[in-house]
Amino acid sequence: MEQQSTFIIENKNINGEKSGIRIAYTTSFYIIRNCKNTHNGIGIQIEEVNVGTIIIANNEIKNGFKGIELLQSVNIAVY
């Protein structure tokens, strides 16, 4: 069995006019934690993540029209 890498997005301050973090079309493992996200769009968007696992923990999202958007994905944990 092949071991996959885990990508960690941690302790980031993200400011933008559109979306903050977007993860799409992957089978990799991700952890998004302790980030501050100020934006006008979507704070965290997860799209078509069907095999990998994503953990979203202890994030602060402000000013957007959507905080977290999950589209056609499984194995997503939000804390």
PDB file of N, CA and C in Angstrom:
ATOM      1  N   MET A   1       0.831  -1.178   0.000  1.00  0.00           N
ATOM      2  CA  MET A   1       0.000   0.000   0.000  1.00  0.00           C
ATOM      3  C   MET A   1       0.878   1.246   0.000  1.00  0.00           C
ATOM      4  N   GLU A   2       0.640   2.130  -0.907  1.00  0.00           N
ATOM      5  CA  GLU A   2       1.422   3.344  -1.043  1.00  0.00           C
ATOM      6  C   GLU A   2       0.981   4.364  -0.013  1.00  0.00           C
ATOM      7  N   GLN A   3       1.950   4.961   0.678  1.00  0.00           N
ATOM      8  CA  GLN A   3       1.633   5.989   1.668  1.00  0.00           C
ATOM      9  C   GLN A   3       1.539   7.341   0.975  1.00  0.00           C
ATOM     10  N   GLN A   4       0.493   8.073   1.268  1.00  0.00           N
ATOM     11  CA  GLN A   4       0.302   9.389   0.666  1.00  0.00           C
ATOM     12  C   GLN A   4       0.783  10.475   1.616  1.00  0.00           C
ATOM     13  N   SER A   5       1.176  11.587   1.033  1.00  0.00           N
ATOM     14  CA  SER A   5       1.586  12.743   1.816  1.00  0.00           C
ATOM     15  C   SER A   5       0.372  13.423   2.425  1.00  0.00           C
ATOM     16  N   THR A   6       0.603  14.095   3.536  1.00  0.00           N
ATOM     17  CA  THR A   6      -0.422  14.944   4.128  1.00  0.00           C
ATOM     18  C   THR A   6       0.015  16.380   3.947  1.00  0.00           C
ATOM     19  N   PHE A   7      -0.858  17.187   3.371  1.00  0.00           N
ATOM     20  CA  PHE A   7      -0.578  18.598   3.173  1.00  0.00           C
ATOM     21  C   PHE A   7      -1.217  19.368   4.314  1.00  0.00           C
ATOM     22  N   ILE A   8      -0.449  20.241   4.946  1.00  0.00           N
ATOM     23  CA  ILE A   8      -0.945  21.000   6.091  1.00  0.00           C
ATOM     24  C   ILE A   8      -0.931  22.486   5.747  1.00  0.00           C
ATOM     25  N   ILE A   9      -2.089  23.109   5.895  1.00  0.00           N
ATOM     26  CA  ILE A   9      -2.223  24.557   5.768  1.00  0.00           C
ATOM     27  C   ILE A   9      -2.516  25.043   7.180  1.00  0.00           C
ATOM     28  N   GLU A  10      -1.578  25.781   7.766  1.00  0.00           N
ATOM     29  CA  GLU A  10      -1.671  26.083   9.194  1.00  0.00           C
ATOM     30  C   GLU A  10      -1.150  27.489   9.497  1.00  0.00           C
ATOM     31  N   ASN A  11      -1.845  28.151  10.432  1.00  0.00           N
ATOM     32  CA  ASN A  11      -1.414  29.457  10.945  1.00  0.00           C
ATOM     33  C   ASN A  11      -1.212  30.490   9.842  1.00  0.00           C
ATOM     34  N   LYS A  12      -2.111  30.525   8.871  1.00  0.00           N
ATOM     35  CA  LYS A  12      -2.031  31.482   7.770  1.00  0.00           C
ATOM     36  C   LYS A  12      -3.059  32.592   7.963  1.00  0.00           C
ATOM     37  N   ASN A  13      -2.696  33.810   7.595  1.00  0.00           N
ATOM     38  CA  ASN A  13      -3.627  34.933   7.528  1.00  0.00           C
ATOM     39  C   ASN A  13      -3.901  35.173   6.055  1.00  0.00           C
ATOM     40  N   ILE A  14      -5.118  34.932   5.636  1.00  0.00           N
ATOM     41  CA  ILE A  14      -5.481  35.022   4.224  1.00  0.00           C
ATOM     42  C   ILE A  14      -6.465  36.173   4.050  1.00  0.00           C
ATOM     43  N   ASN A  15      -6.112  37.115   3.197  1.00  0.00           N
ATOM     44  CA  ASN A  15      -6.980  38.260   2.888  1.00  0.00           C
ATOM     45  C   ASN A  15      -7.122  38.319   1.379  1.00  0.00           C
ATOM     46  N   GLY A  16      -8.347  38.444   0.901  1.00  0.00           N
ATOM     47  CA  GLY A  16      -8.520  38.502  -0.536  1.00  0.00           C
ATOM     48  C   GLY A  16      -9.889  38.986  -0.943  1.00  0.00           C
ATOM     49  N   GLU A  17     -10.027  39.252  -2.219  1.00  0.00           N
ATOM     50  CA  GLU A  17     -11.293  39.726  -2.753  1.00  0.00           C
ATOM     51  C   GLU A  17     -12.193  38.582  -3.193  1.00  0.00           C
ATOM     52  N   LYS A  18     -11.636  37.414  -3.416  1.00  0.00           N
ATOM     53  CA  LYS A  18     -12.454  36.279  -3.851  1.00  0.00           C
ATOM     54  C   LYS A  18     -12.460  35.232  -2.751  1.00  0.00           C
ATOM     55  N   SER A  19     -12.089  34.016  -3.066  1.00  0.00           N
ATOM     56  CA  SER A  19     -12.098  32.940  -2.082  1.00  0.00           C
ATOM     57  C   SER A  19     -10.742  32.794  -1.403  1.00  0.00           C
ATOM     58  N   GLY A  20     -10.779  32.182  -0.208  1.00  0.00           N
ATOM     59  CA  GLY A  20      -9.552  32.010   0.559  1.00  0.00           C
ATOM     60  C   GLY A  20      -8.788  30.750   0.194  1.00  0.00           C
ATOM     61  N   ILE A  21      -9.297  29.581   0.593  1.00  0.00           N
ATOM     62  CA  ILE A  21      -8.635  28.299   0.353  1.00  0.00           C
ATOM     63  C   ILE A  21      -9.563  27.439  -0.495  1.00  0.00           C
ATOM     64  N   ARG A  22      -9.033  26.862  -1.564  1.00  0.00           N
ATOM     65  CA  ARG A  22      -9.819  25.955  -2.402  1.00  0.00           C
ATOM     66  C   ARG A  22      -9.007  24.696  -2.646  1.00  0.00           C
ATOM     67  N   ILE A  23      -9.620  23.553  -2.355  1.00  0.00           N
ATOM     68  CA  ILE A  23      -9.012  22.252  -2.626  1.00  0.00           C
ATOM     69  C   ILE A  23      -9.995  21.488  -3.497  1.00  0.00           C
ATOM     70  N   ALA A  24      -9.529  21.001  -4.655  1.00  0.00           N
ATOM     71  CA  ALA A  24     -10.441  20.351  -5.591  1.00  0.00           C
ATOM     72  C   ALA A  24      -9.746  19.226  -6.351  1.00  0.00           C
ATOM     73  N   TYR A  25     -10.552  18.221  -6.707  1.00  0.00           N
ATOM     74  CA  TYR A  25     -10.142  17.134  -7.601  1.00  0.00           C
ATOM     75  C   TYR A  25      -8.847  16.458  -7.144  1.00  0.00           C
ATOM     76  N   THR A  26      -8.829  16.006  -5.899  1.00  0.00           N
ATOM     77  CA  THR A  26      -7.622  15.383  -5.363  1.00  0.00           C
ATOM     78  C   THR A  26      -7.978  14.155  -4.540  1.00  0.00           C
ATOM     79  N   THR A  27      -7.004  13.295  -4.357  1.00  0.00           N
ATOM     80  CA  THR A  27      -7.148  12.148  -3.466  1.00  0.00           C
ATOM     81  C   THR A  27      -6.160  12.258  -2.297  1.00  0.00           C
ATOM     82  N   SER A  28      -5.517  13.399  -2.165  1.00  0.00           N
ATOM     83  CA  SER A  28      -4.527  13.617  -1.108  1.00  0.00           C
ATOM     84  C   SER A  28      -5.204  13.959   0.212  1.00  0.00           C
ATOM     85  N   PHE A  29      -4.438  13.854   1.281  1.00  0.00           N
ATOM     86  CA  PHE A  29      -4.905  14.193   2.622  1.00  0.00           C
ATOM     87  C   PHE A  29      -4.512  15.628   2.941  1.00  0.00           C
ATOM     88  N   TYR A  30      -5.439  16.386   3.524  1.00  0.00           N
ATOM     89  CA  TYR A  30      -5.195  17.779   3.879  1.00  0.00           C
ATOM     90  C   TYR A  30      -5.660  18.045   5.299  1.00  0.00           C
ATOM     91  N   ILE A  31      -4.929  18.930   5.979  1.00  0.00           N
ATOM     92  CA  ILE A  31      -5.353  19.476   7.264  1.00  0.00           C
ATOM     93  C   ILE A  31      -5.292  20.992   7.128  1.00  0.00           C
ATOM     94  N   ILE A  32      -6.419  21.641   7.406  1.00  0.00           N
ATOM     95  CA  ILE A  32      -6.485  23.103   7.401  1.00  0.00           C
ATOM     96  C   ILE A  32      -6.799  23.509   8.827  1.00  0.00           C
ATOM     97  N   ARG A  33      -5.848  24.163   9.506  1.00  0.00           N
ATOM     98  CA  ARG A  33      -6.086  24.480  10.915  1.00  0.00           C
ATOM     99  C   ARG A  33      -5.449  25.814  11.317  1.00  0.00           C
ATOM    100  N   ASN A  34      -6.115  26.440  12.269  1.00  0.00           N
ATOM    101  CA  ASN A  34      -5.640  27.673  12.894  1.00  0.00           C
ATOM    102  C   ASN A  34      -5.358  28.793  11.896  1.00  0.00           C
ATOM    103  N   CYS A  35      -6.184  28.902  10.875  1.00  0.00           N
ATOM    104  CA  CYS A  35      -6.034  29.968   9.878  1.00  0.00           C
ATOM    105  C   CYS A  35      -7.071  31.064  10.100  1.00  0.00           C
ATOM    106  N   LYS A  36      -6.711  32.281   9.736  1.00  0.00           N
ATOM    107  CA  LYS A  36      -7.634  33.413   9.747  1.00  0.00           C
ATOM    108  C   LYS A  36      -7.856  33.806   8.299  1.00  0.00           C
ATOM    109  N   ASN A  37      -9.121  33.877   7.920  1.00  0.00           N
ATOM    110  CA  ASN A  37      -9.468  34.065   6.519  1.00  0.00           C
ATOM    111  C   ASN A  37     -10.480  35.204   6.412  1.00  0.00           C
ATOM    112  N   THR A  38     -10.069  36.324   5.811  1.00  0.00           N
ATOM    113  CA  THR A  38     -10.952  37.466   5.584  1.00  0.00           C
ATOM    114  C   THR A  38     -11.053  37.664   4.078  1.00  0.00           C
ATOM    115  N   HIS A  39     -12.271  37.679   3.548  1.00  0.00           N
ATOM    116  CA  HIS A  39     -12.457  37.651   2.097  1.00  0.00           C
ATOM    117  C   HIS A  39     -13.844  38.151   1.738  1.00  0.00           C
ATOM    118  N   ASN A  40     -14.120  38.255   0.459  1.00  0.00           N
ATOM    119  CA  ASN A  40     -15.448  38.633  -0.020  1.00  0.00           C
ATOM    120  C   ASN A  40     -16.197  37.466  -0.643  1.00  0.00           C
ATOM    121  N   GLY A  41     -15.596  36.309  -0.722  1.00  0.00           N
ATOM    122  CA  GLY A  41     -16.223  35.164  -1.383  1.00  0.00           C
ATOM    123  C   GLY A  41     -16.438  34.001  -0.435  1.00  0.00           C
ATOM    124  N   ILE A  42     -15.822  32.877  -0.737  1.00  0.00           N
ATOM    125  CA  ILE A  42     -15.942  31.655   0.049  1.00  0.00           C
ATOM    126  C   ILE A  42     -14.665  31.487   0.869  1.00  0.00           C
ATOM    127  N   GLY A  43     -14.805  31.235   2.157  1.00  0.00           N
ATOM    128  CA  GLY A  43     -13.634  31.081   3.026  1.00  0.00           C
ATOM    129  C   GLY A  43     -12.825  29.846   2.692  1.00  0.00           C
ATOM    130  N   ILE A  44     -13.470  28.680   2.728  1.00  0.00           N
ATOM    131  CA  ILE A  44     -12.827  27.415   2.401  1.00  0.00           C
ATOM    132  C   ILE A  44     -13.768  26.654   1.479  1.00  0.00           C
ATOM    133  N   GLN A  45     -13.275  26.273   0.330  1.00  0.00           N
ATOM    134  CA  GLN A  45     -14.086  25.509  -0.625  1.00  0.00           C
ATOM    135  C   GLN A  45     -13.419  24.164  -0.899  1.00  0.00           C
ATOM    136  N   ILE A  46     -14.197  23.102  -0.727  1.00  0.00           N
ATOM    137  CA  ILE A  46     -13.740  21.736  -0.997  1.00  0.00           C
ATOM    138  C   ILE A  46     -14.640  21.178  -2.091  1.00  0.00           C
ATOM    139  N   GLU A  47     -14.043  20.747  -3.202  1.00  0.00           N
ATOM    140  CA  GLU A  47     -14.840  20.269  -4.329  1.00  0.00           C
ATOM    141  C   GLU A  47     -14.290  18.961  -4.886  1.00  0.00           C
ATOM    142  N   GLU A  48     -15.163  17.989  -5.004  1.00  0.00           N
ATOM    143  CA  GLU A  48     -14.870  16.675  -5.559  1.00  0.00           C
ATOM    144  C   GLU A  48     -13.617  16.028  -4.970  1.00  0.00           C
ATOM    145  N   VAL A  49     -13.598  15.979  -3.641  1.00  0.00           N
ATOM    146  CA  VAL A  49     -12.557  15.255  -2.917  1.00  0.00           C
ATOM    147  C   VAL A  49     -13.225  13.981  -2.438  1.00  0.00           C
ATOM    148  N   ASN A  50     -12.988  12.883  -3.140  1.00  0.00           N
ATOM    149  CA  ASN A  50     -13.767  11.680  -2.917  1.00  0.00           C
ATOM    150  C   ASN A  50     -13.004  10.526  -2.289  1.00  0.00           C
ATOM    151  N   VAL A  51     -11.705  10.580  -2.282  1.00  0.00           N
ATOM    152  CA  VAL A  51     -10.927   9.493  -1.688  1.00  0.00           C
ATOM    153  C   VAL A  51     -10.090   9.999  -0.526  1.00  0.00           C
ATOM    154  N   GLY A  52      -9.532  11.180  -0.667  1.00  0.00           N
ATOM    155  CA  GLY A  52      -8.698  11.741   0.394  1.00  0.00           C
ATOM    156  C   GLY A  52      -9.523  12.146   1.592  1.00  0.00           C
ATOM    157  N   THR A  53      -8.848  12.576   2.629  1.00  0.00           N
ATOM    158  CA  THR A  53      -9.507  13.041   3.834  1.00  0.00           C
ATOM    159  C   THR A  53      -9.065  14.465   4.100  1.00  0.00           C
ATOM    160  N   ILE A  54     -10.018  15.303   4.445  1.00  0.00           N
ATOM    161  CA  ILE A  54      -9.707  16.688   4.776  1.00  0.00           C
ATOM    162  C   ILE A  54     -10.241  16.976   6.175  1.00  0.00           C
ATOM    163  N   ILE A  55      -9.377  17.548   7.005  1.00  0.00           N
ATOM    164  CA  ILE A  55      -9.759  17.973   8.345  1.00  0.00           C
ATOM    165  C   ILE A  55      -9.669  19.491   8.375  1.00  0.00           C
ATOM    166  N   ILE A  56     -10.764  20.130   8.767  1.00  0.00           N
ATOM    167  CA  ILE A  56     -10.819  21.582   8.895  1.00  0.00           C
ATOM    168  C   ILE A  56     -11.030  21.868  10.375  1.00  0.00           C
ATOM    169  N   ALA A  57     -10.037  22.476  11.042  1.00  0.00           N
ATOM    170  CA  ALA A  57     -10.113  22.631  12.496  1.00  0.00           C
ATOM    171  C   ALA A  57      -9.664  24.020  12.948  1.00  0.00           C
ATOM    172  N   ASN A  58     -10.462  24.628  13.804  1.00  0.00           N
ATOM    173  CA  ASN A  58     -10.115  25.852  14.519  1.00  0.00           C
ATOM    174  C   ASN A  58      -9.719  27.001  13.590  1.00  0.00           C
ATOM    175  N   ASN A  59     -10.544  27.270  12.593  1.00  0.00           N
ATOM    176  CA  ASN A  59     -10.301  28.368  11.663  1.00  0.00           C
ATOM    177  C   ASN A  59     -11.272  29.512  11.928  1.00  0.00           C
ATOM    178  N   GLU A  60     -10.842  30.730  11.620  1.00  0.00           N
ATOM    179  CA  GLU A  60     -11.688  31.911  11.752  1.00  0.00           C
ATOM    180  C   GLU A  60     -11.939  32.461  10.350  1.00  0.00           C
ATOM    181  N   ILE A  61     -13.208  32.563   9.971  1.00  0.00           N
ATOM    182  CA  ILE A  61     -13.571  33.028   8.633  1.00  0.00           C
ATOM    183  C   ILE A  61     -14.505  34.222   8.780  1.00  0.00           C
ATOM    184  N   LYS A  62     -14.159  35.345   8.124  1.00  0.00           N
ATOM    185  CA  LYS A  62     -14.938  36.579   8.263  1.00  0.00           C
ATOM    186  C   LYS A  62     -15.282  37.185   6.909  1.00  0.00           C
ATOM    187  N   ASN A  63     -16.397  37.897   6.882  1.00  0.00           N
ATOM    188  CA  ASN A  63     -16.800  38.816   5.821  1.00  0.00           C
ATOM    189  C   ASN A  63     -17.210  38.183   4.499  1.00  0.00           C
ATOM    190  N   GLY A  64     -17.154  36.921   4.346  1.00  0.00           N
ATOM    191  CA  GLY A  64     -17.537  36.310   3.083  1.00  0.00           C
ATOM    192  C   GLY A  64     -19.015  35.984   3.021  1.00  0.00           C
ATOM    193  N   PHE A  65     -19.480  35.633   1.826  1.00  0.00           N
ATOM    194  CA  PHE A  65     -20.883  35.249   1.722  1.00  0.00           C
ATOM    195  C   PHE A  65     -21.074  33.769   2.034  1.00  0.00           C
ATOM    196  N   LYS A  66     -19.991  32.990   2.054  1.00  0.00           N
ATOM    197  CA  LYS A  66     -20.030  31.594   2.508  1.00  0.00           C
ATOM    198  C   LYS A  66     -18.776  31.316   3.319  1.00  0.00           C
ATOM    199  N   GLY A  67     -18.936  30.652   4.444  1.00  0.00           N
ATOM    200  CA  GLY A  67     -17.779  30.296   5.264  1.00  0.00           C
ATOM    201  C   GLY A  67     -17.055  29.085   4.721  1.00  0.00           C
ATOM    202  N   ILE A  68     -17.748  27.939   4.725  1.00  0.00           N
ATOM    203  CA  ILE A  68     -17.185  26.687   4.208  1.00  0.00           C
ATOM    204  C   ILE A  68     -18.181  26.106   3.215  1.00  0.00           C
ATOM    205  N   GLU A  69     -17.696  25.768   2.032  1.00  0.00           N
ATOM    206  CA  GLU A  69     -18.548  25.167   1.014  1.00  0.00           C
ATOM    207  C   GLU A  69     -17.990  23.795   0.640  1.00  0.00           C
ATOM    208  N   LEU A  70     -18.828  22.775   0.767  1.00  0.00           N
ATOM    209  CA  LEU A  70     -18.455  21.411   0.411  1.00  0.00           C
ATOM    210  C   LEU A  70     -19.283  20.984  -0.791  1.00  0.00           C
ATOM    211  N   LEU A  71     -18.624  20.597  -1.869  1.00  0.00           N
ATOM    212  CA  LEU A  71     -19.306  20.203  -3.098  1.00  0.00           C
ATOM    213  C   LEU A  71     -18.867  18.801  -3.500  1.00  0.00           C
ATOM    214  N   GLN A  72     -19.799  17.896  -3.589  1.00  0.00           N
ATOM    215  CA  GLN A  72     -19.572  16.526  -4.066  1.00  0.00           C
ATOM    216  C   GLN A  72     -18.302  15.900  -3.475  1.00  0.00           C
ATOM    217  N   SER A  73     -18.203  15.935  -2.149  1.00  0.00           N
ATOM    218  CA  SER A  73     -17.019  15.430  -1.458  1.00  0.00           C
ATOM    219  C   SER A  73     -17.428  14.540  -0.302  1.00  0.00           C
ATOM    220  N   VAL A  74     -16.543  13.631   0.071  1.00  0.00           N
ATOM    221  CA  VAL A  74     -16.742  12.758   1.230  1.00  0.00           C
ATOM    222  C   VAL A  74     -15.492  12.754   2.083  1.00  0.00           C
ATOM    223  N   ASN A  75     -15.614  12.253   3.315  1.00  0.00           N
ATOM    224  CA  ASN A  75     -14.508  12.178   4.270  1.00  0.00           C
ATOM    225  C   ASN A  75     -13.976  13.553   4.658  1.00  0.00           C
ATOM    226  N   ILE A  76     -14.873  14.474   4.954  1.00  0.00           N
ATOM    227  CA  ILE A  76     -14.508  15.821   5.388  1.00  0.00           C
ATOM    228  C   ILE A  76     -14.923  15.962   6.846  1.00  0.00           C
ATOM    229  N   ALA A  77     -13.998  16.376   7.691  1.00  0.00           N
ATOM    230  CA  ALA A  77     -14.302  16.593   9.109  1.00  0.00           C
ATOM    231  C   ALA A  77     -14.096  18.075   9.435  1.00  0.00           C
ATOM    232  N   VAL A  78     -15.101  18.691  10.055  1.00  0.00           N
ATOM    233  CA  VAL A  78     -15.027  20.087  10.425  1.00  0.00           C
ATOM    234  C   VAL A  78     -15.147  20.166  11.945  1.00  0.00           C
ATOM    235  N   TYR A  79     -14.150  20.787  12.570  1.00  0.00           N
ATOM    236  CA  TYR A  79     -14.134  20.950  14.037  1.00  0.00           C
ATOM    237  C   TYR A  79     -14.088  22.417  14.397  1.00  0.00           C
TER     238      TYR A  79
END
